[in-house]
Amino acid sequence: MAEKTKARVEGRARVVPDLKPGKYGDGLPLDEVKYLECKIILRPNQFTSRQSLFDFSKLMRRPAKESGVDFDTAAFADEPLQIREVLFLDTSDFRLYNNAFILRRRVPYKDGFPTGDPEIVFKYRHPDPQKAAETDVRPRITGPYRIKFKAEALPLKDGLGGIRMLYSHNVEFGLSAVREGDRSTSMDAITRVLPALESVKGSPGERIELVSGTIVEEVLQDIGTLDFGKGLTAVANVALWRNRGDHSPLIGEFAFQIKFKRREDLNERAVKRGTAFFLSLQNAARDWIQLGATKTGVVYRLKGNPPRAHE
């Protein structure tokens, strides 16, 4: 019995390792990982229509069956496309990204028009989970915000059939929660809202700018539900990022995300099924996969000056 318990703990620890206890400056305990997200970065050239996004699901059926994972697309045939505008902001020398920070603004569109409050997403993403947890991403705003601490699984940078982990400590909030005076592109204003950036702040009056001068149009389609058993399910989606100016494709992504309250909720058998599926899918989709990339990294590299990323 002790050996079985040890195996269960070790299996969960592969994706959600233990963190050393700690506190933020105001005495609150460190955030814990509550999401497991699996991603495969895809070459974008095969995505030319809504149906082509669904075509990726055909590659998923054999890996799902062999791994004991139930994959159901029936409820998604009429699921609408989701369109969002995504802008990345950074200093001219990519100081945020070089220090594992990502700052972006997202605007959802419906029927061709922007809808709702523009969303600010600020994250610290790093392969060291402890470092990610200890980075306090909470904003200094009067309105609501949402913390998402994710363990992100991706293929290895240089080959198929493996898994590398990144840990993404995110905060999301509406632009309306930021005071008018703090909505400028000056680093002084931004660090008032996001104190975590004080560590990378430069000279007074410094400004941030649109990364690579590019506005990204994200086209996302939910394509089915994955059931790993023991209550662990996830909606799978495929996304295409393209340049909003000329609609030239930039990068694609397949992803699914599991939310949980405690690490113990990640049943060992379900995690094993998910891992087997993720590894098998890499082989089945080998002609679609773009190794060594993230969607954010592709945008940063558009002008030929690659940053020193931690991804």
Protein backbone atom coordinates (compact mmCIF):
# COMPACT_ATOMS: atom_id res chain seq x y z
CA MET A 1 0.00 0.00 0.00
CA ALA A 2 2.84 2.40 0.80
CA GLU A 3 4.44 1.79 -2.60
CA LYS A 4 1.14 2.54 -4.41
CA THR A 5 0.73 5.75 -2.45
CA LYS A 6 4.28 6.78 -3.30
CA ALA A 7 3.65 6.14 -7.01
CA ARG A 8 0.51 8.27 -6.96
CA VAL A 9 2.35 11.16 -5.32
CA GLU A 10 5.29 10.91 -7.74
CA GLY A 11 2.99 10.87 -10.76
CA ARG A 12 1.22 14.04 -9.70
CA ALA A 13 4.53 15.66 -8.80
CA ARG A 14 5.70 15.36 -12.41
CA VAL A 15 3.25 18.04 -13.41
CA VAL A 16 2.39 19.77 -10.12
CA PRO A 17 5.43 19.61 -7.83
CA ASP A 18 5.40 20.53 -4.15
CA LEU A 19 6.18 24.16 -3.36
CA LYS A 20 8.08 25.38 -0.35
CA PRO A 21 5.74 27.25 2.02
CA GLY A 22 6.05 31.01 1.80
CA LYS A 23 4.24 34.33 1.92
CA TYR A 24 3.94 37.47 -0.13
CA GLY A 25 4.81 40.88 1.26
CA ASP A 26 1.36 41.37 2.79
CA GLY A 27 1.47 38.04 4.61
CA LEU A 28 -0.83 36.04 2.31
CA PRO A 29 0.38 32.51 1.44
CA LEU A 30 1.86 31.74 -1.98
CA ASP A 31 -0.61 30.86 -4.72
CA GLU A 32 -0.85 27.19 -5.62
CA VAL A 33 -1.10 25.60 -9.06
CA LYS A 34 -4.79 25.05 -9.87
CA TYR A 35 -4.64 24.38 -13.61
CA LEU A 36 -2.90 21.83 -15.81
CA GLU A 37 -2.75 22.94 -19.45
CA CYS A 38 -1.31 20.82 -22.25
CA LYS A 39 -0.25 22.57 -25.46
CA ILE A 40 1.14 21.55 -28.83
CA ILE A 41 2.32 24.36 -31.09
CA LEU A 42 1.29 23.80 -34.71
CA ARG A 43 2.39 25.04 -38.09
CA PRO A 44 -0.31 27.43 -39.28
CA ASN A 45 -0.37 26.77 -43.01
CA GLN A 46 -2.97 23.98 -42.85
CA PHE A 47 -5.57 26.19 -41.15
CA THR A 48 -7.49 27.87 -43.95
CA SER A 49 -11.12 27.51 -42.82
CA ARG A 50 -13.30 26.70 -39.82
CA GLN A 51 -13.50 23.09 -41.01
CA SER A 52 -9.70 22.85 -41.12
CA LEU A 53 -9.60 23.58 -37.39
CA PHE A 54 -11.94 20.63 -36.84
CA ASP A 55 -9.76 18.48 -39.10
CA PHE A 56 -7.18 18.27 -36.34
CA SER A 57 -9.68 16.23 -34.30
CA LYS A 58 -9.29 13.37 -36.78
CA LEU A 59 -5.67 12.99 -35.66
CA MET A 60 -6.76 12.76 -32.03
CA ARG A 61 -9.01 9.71 -32.25
CA ARG A 62 -6.41 6.95 -32.43
CA PRO A 63 -4.16 8.38 -29.64
CA ALA A 64 -7.25 8.88 -27.48
CA LYS A 65 -8.50 5.32 -28.04
CA GLU A 66 -5.09 3.76 -27.42
CA SER A 67 -4.69 5.77 -24.21
CA GLY A 68 -8.12 4.95 -22.79
CA VAL A 69 -9.32 8.54 -23.16
CA ASP A 70 -12.87 9.25 -24.31
CA PHE A 71 -12.96 11.95 -27.00
CA ASP A 72 -16.37 13.31 -28.01
CA THR A 73 -16.98 15.94 -30.69
CA ALA A 74 -20.77 15.58 -31.04
CA ALA A 75 -21.68 18.69 -29.06
CA PHE A 76 -19.25 20.98 -30.89
CA ALA A 77 -20.30 20.81 -34.53
CA ASP A 78 -22.25 24.06 -34.19
CA GLU A 79 -19.96 25.70 -31.64
CA PRO A 80 -19.11 29.17 -32.97
CA LEU A 81 -15.63 30.44 -33.68
CA GLN A 82 -14.18 32.77 -31.09
CA ILE A 83 -12.28 35.80 -32.37
CA ARG A 84 -9.97 37.91 -30.21
CA GLU A 85 -7.49 40.69 -30.83
CA VAL A 86 -4.23 40.22 -28.92
CA LEU A 87 -1.56 42.89 -28.38
CA PHE A 88 1.78 42.31 -26.62
CA LEU A 89 3.48 45.22 -24.88
CA ASP A 90 7.13 45.48 -23.88
CA THR A 91 10.13 47.81 -23.77
CA SER A 92 12.16 48.28 -26.94
CA ASP A 93 14.80 45.87 -25.61
CA PHE A 94 12.22 43.21 -24.60
CA ARG A 95 13.06 43.62 -20.93
CA LEU A 96 9.77 42.15 -19.73
CA TYR A 97 10.00 39.00 -21.83
CA ASN A 98 13.72 38.58 -21.16
CA ASN A 99 12.85 38.49 -17.44
CA ALA A 100 10.00 35.97 -17.91
CA PHE A 101 7.17 38.54 -17.79
CA ILE A 102 4.43 38.74 -20.44
CA LEU A 103 2.01 41.65 -20.72
CA ARG A 104 -0.82 41.59 -23.22
CA ARG A 105 -4.23 43.05 -23.91
CA ARG A 106 -7.07 40.95 -25.32
CA VAL A 107 -10.29 42.17 -26.92
CA PRO A 108 -13.05 39.68 -27.82
CA TYR A 109 -15.07 40.22 -30.99
CA LYS A 110 -18.64 39.20 -31.79
CA ASP A 111 -20.23 39.54 -35.21
CA GLY A 112 -17.25 41.60 -36.33
CA PHE A 113 -17.31 44.12 -33.47
CA PRO A 114 -15.36 44.37 -30.19
CA THR A 115 -17.44 43.41 -27.17
CA GLY A 116 -17.02 43.67 -23.43
CA ASP A 117 -14.20 45.15 -21.39
CA PRO A 118 -10.69 44.83 -22.89
CA GLU A 119 -8.81 42.30 -20.76
CA ILE A 120 -5.30 42.78 -19.40
CA VAL A 121 -3.31 39.57 -18.92
CA PHE A 122 -0.07 39.75 -16.97
CA LYS A 123 2.00 36.66 -16.30
CA TYR A 124 5.30 35.38 -15.04
CA ARG A 125 6.20 32.17 -16.91
CA HIS A 126 9.23 30.13 -15.93
CA PRO A 127 10.41 26.50 -15.78
CA ASP A 128 11.04 26.88 -12.02
CA PRO A 129 7.66 26.49 -10.24
CA GLN A 130 8.95 27.94 -6.96
CA LYS A 131 10.20 31.07 -8.68
CA ALA A 132 6.88 31.41 -10.49
CA ALA A 133 4.92 31.03 -7.24
CA GLU A 134 7.04 33.57 -5.37
CA THR A 135 6.50 36.24 -8.04
CA ASP A 136 3.54 38.27 -6.80
CA VAL A 137 1.59 39.16 -9.96
CA ARG A 138 -1.34 40.79 -8.14
CA PRO A 139 -2.26 44.22 -9.52
CA ARG A 140 -2.75 47.39 -7.53
CA ILE A 141 -6.27 48.18 -8.72
CA THR A 142 -9.64 48.84 -7.09
CA GLY A 143 -11.62 46.44 -9.28
CA PRO A 144 -11.74 42.62 -9.38
CA TYR A 145 -9.02 40.40 -10.80
CA ARG A 146 -8.51 36.67 -11.27
CA ILE A 147 -5.36 34.67 -10.53
CA LYS A 148 -4.55 31.62 -12.65
CA PHE A 149 -1.48 29.60 -11.70
CA LYS A 150 -0.92 26.98 -14.39
CA ALA A 151 1.37 24.04 -14.96
CA GLU A 152 1.86 24.02 -18.73
CA ALA A 153 3.00 20.87 -20.51
CA LEU A 154 4.59 21.17 -23.96
CA PRO A 155 6.63 18.85 -26.20
CA LEU A 156 10.39 18.98 -25.87
CA LYS A 157 12.09 21.76 -27.80
CA ASP A 158 14.15 19.48 -30.02
CA GLY A 159 12.13 16.32 -30.54
CA LEU A 160 8.82 14.50 -30.25
CA GLY A 161 7.77 12.03 -27.57
CA GLY A 162 8.61 13.98 -24.42
CA ILE A 163 7.26 16.64 -22.10
CA ARG A 164 8.75 19.87 -20.77
CA MET A 165 7.04 21.96 -18.12
CA LEU A 166 6.55 25.70 -17.74
CA TYR A 167 4.77 27.34 -14.81
CA SER A 168 2.63 30.35 -15.63
CA HIS A 169 1.52 32.63 -12.79
CA ASN A 170 -1.18 34.79 -14.36
CA VAL A 171 -3.50 37.61 -13.39
CA GLU A 172 -6.40 38.82 -15.54
CA PHE A 173 -8.48 41.96 -15.08
CA GLY A 174 -10.55 44.36 -17.12
CA LEU A 175 -9.04 47.59 -18.40
CA SER A 176 -11.90 49.48 -16.73
CA ALA A 177 -10.43 48.51 -13.34
CA VAL A 178 -7.37 50.67 -14.10
CA ARG A 179 -7.59 54.38 -13.32
CA GLU A 180 -7.54 56.66 -16.36
CA GLY A 181 -4.21 58.17 -15.31
CA ASP A 182 -2.57 54.73 -15.24
CA ARG A 183 -3.61 53.65 -18.74
CA SER A 184 -0.67 55.28 -20.49
CA THR A 185 2.24 53.39 -22.02
CA SER A 186 4.79 54.77 -19.57
CA MET A 187 6.59 52.26 -17.36
CA ASP A 188 5.95 54.55 -14.40
CA ALA A 189 2.20 54.15 -14.83
CA ILE A 190 2.41 50.43 -15.57
CA THR A 191 4.49 49.65 -12.49
CA ARG A 192 1.95 51.51 -10.34
CA VAL A 193 -0.60 48.96 -11.54
CA LEU A 194 1.77 45.97 -11.70
CA PRO A 195 4.32 46.32 -8.86
CA ALA A 196 6.09 43.09 -9.89
CA LEU A 197 7.63 45.04 -12.77
CA GLU A 198 9.55 47.34 -10.43
CA SER A 199 12.44 44.87 -10.70
CA VAL A 200 12.81 45.54 -14.44
CA LYS A 201 11.93 49.22 -14.50
CA GLY A 202 14.40 51.41 -16.39
CA SER A 203 15.01 55.13 -16.46
CA PRO A 204 12.23 57.64 -15.65
CA GLY A 205 9.94 58.37 -18.57
CA GLU A 206 10.57 55.02 -20.25
CA ARG A 207 7.69 53.74 -22.38
CA ILE A 208 6.47 50.39 -23.60
CA GLU A 209 5.41 49.68 -27.16
CA LEU A 210 3.58 47.18 -29.33
CA VAL A 211 5.81 44.13 -29.76
CA SER A 212 6.94 43.73 -33.39
CA GLY A 213 4.39 46.40 -34.35
CA THR A 214 1.89 43.54 -34.68
CA ILE A 215 -1.74 43.15 -33.68
CA VAL A 216 -2.59 39.46 -33.52
CA GLU A 217 -5.98 38.12 -34.55
CA GLU A 218 -6.75 34.91 -32.69
CA VAL A 219 -9.23 32.47 -34.23
CA LEU A 220 -10.15 29.77 -31.71
CA GLN A 221 -12.44 26.77 -32.09
CA ASP A 222 -13.53 24.34 -29.37
CA ILE A 223 -13.52 20.93 -31.07
CA GLY A 224 -14.41 18.33 -28.42
CA THR A 225 -14.32 17.01 -24.87
CA LEU A 226 -11.59 14.77 -23.47
CA ASP A 227 -12.55 12.51 -20.55
CA PHE A 228 -9.58 11.01 -18.70
CA GLY A 229 -11.73 9.30 -16.08
CA LYS A 230 -12.11 9.87 -12.33
CA GLY A 231 -13.82 13.20 -12.95
CA LEU A 232 -10.99 14.75 -14.98
CA THR A 233 -12.32 16.27 -18.20
CA ALA A 234 -11.22 19.07 -20.50
CA VAL A 235 -12.43 20.91 -23.56
CA ALA A 236 -9.95 20.67 -26.42
CA ASN A 237 -9.48 23.59 -28.78
CA VAL A 238 -7.45 24.60 -31.80
CA ALA A 239 -6.32 28.18 -32.36
CA LEU A 240 -4.81 30.08 -35.25
CA TRP A 241 -2.88 33.31 -34.71
CA ARG A 242 -2.55 35.58 -37.72
CA ASN A 243 -1.45 39.12 -38.45
CA ARG A 244 -4.50 41.32 -38.32
CA GLY A 245 -3.17 43.62 -41.01
CA ASP A 246 -2.88 41.15 -43.90
CA HIS A 247 -4.27 37.98 -42.25
CA SER A 248 -0.96 36.18 -42.85
CA PRO A 249 -0.77 33.12 -40.57
CA LEU A 250 1.70 33.25 -37.67
CA ILE A 251 1.26 30.07 -35.60
CA GLY A 252 -1.31 27.51 -34.48
CA GLU A 253 -1.95 25.68 -31.23
CA PHE A 254 -3.81 22.67 -29.90
CA ALA A 255 -4.61 22.86 -26.19
CA PHE A 256 -6.72 21.48 -23.37
CA GLN A 257 -6.89 22.55 -19.74
CA ILE A 258 -7.86 20.78 -16.51
CA LYS A 259 -8.88 22.78 -13.46
CA PHE A 260 -8.56 21.32 -9.97
CA LYS A 261 -8.77 22.53 -6.36
CA ARG A 262 -5.97 20.40 -4.89
CA ARG A 263 -3.12 18.42 -6.35
CA GLU A 264 -4.66 15.31 -4.74
CA ASP A 265 -7.65 15.72 -7.09
CA LEU A 266 -5.40 14.74 -10.01
CA ASN A 267 -6.10 11.02 -9.96
CA GLU A 268 -2.96 9.06 -10.85
CA ARG A 269 -4.61 6.80 -13.42
CA ALA A 270 -6.29 9.75 -15.12
CA VAL A 271 -2.99 11.64 -15.23
CA LYS A 272 -1.29 8.59 -16.77
CA ARG A 273 -3.99 8.39 -19.45
CA GLY A 274 -3.57 12.09 -20.16
CA THR A 275 0.20 11.76 -20.37
CA ALA A 276 -0.02 8.76 -22.70
CA PHE A 277 -2.50 10.62 -24.92
CA PHE A 278 -0.31 13.74 -25.05
CA LEU A 279 2.77 11.72 -26.03
CA SER A 280 0.92 9.60 -28.60
CA LEU A 281 -0.70 12.67 -30.16
CA GLN A 282 2.73 14.19 -30.77
CA ASN A 283 3.58 11.26 -33.00
CA ALA A 284 0.20 11.23 -34.76
CA ALA A 285 0.43 14.98 -35.46
CA ARG A 286 4.15 15.08 -36.28
CA ASP A 287 3.55 16.72 -39.67
CA TRP A 288 1.62 19.56 -38.01
CA ILE A 289 3.92 20.34 -35.09
CA GLN A 290 6.25 23.33 -34.75
CA LEU A 291 8.95 22.39 -32.24
CA GLY A 292 10.79 24.83 -30.01
CA ALA A 293 8.13 27.53 -30.16
CA THR A 294 5.42 29.24 -28.16
CA LYS A 295 2.78 31.56 -29.58
CA THR A 296 4.23 34.49 -27.64
CA GLY A 297 7.76 33.70 -28.80
CA VAL A 298 6.68 33.70 -32.45
CA VAL A 299 5.30 37.25 -32.12
CA TYR A 300 8.49 38.47 -30.46
CA ARG A 301 10.64 37.00 -33.25
CA LEU A 302 8.77 38.54 -36.16
CA LYS A 303 11.33 41.31 -36.65
CA GLY A 304 14.32 38.97 -36.57
CA ASN A 305 15.64 40.03 -33.16
CA PRO A 306 14.98 37.06 -30.87
CA PRO A 307 14.76 37.84 -27.17
CA ARG A 308 16.40 35.79 -24.43
CA ALA A 309 13.27 33.97 -23.34
CA HIS A 310 12.84 31.59 -20.40
CA GLU A 311 10.41 29.44 -22.39
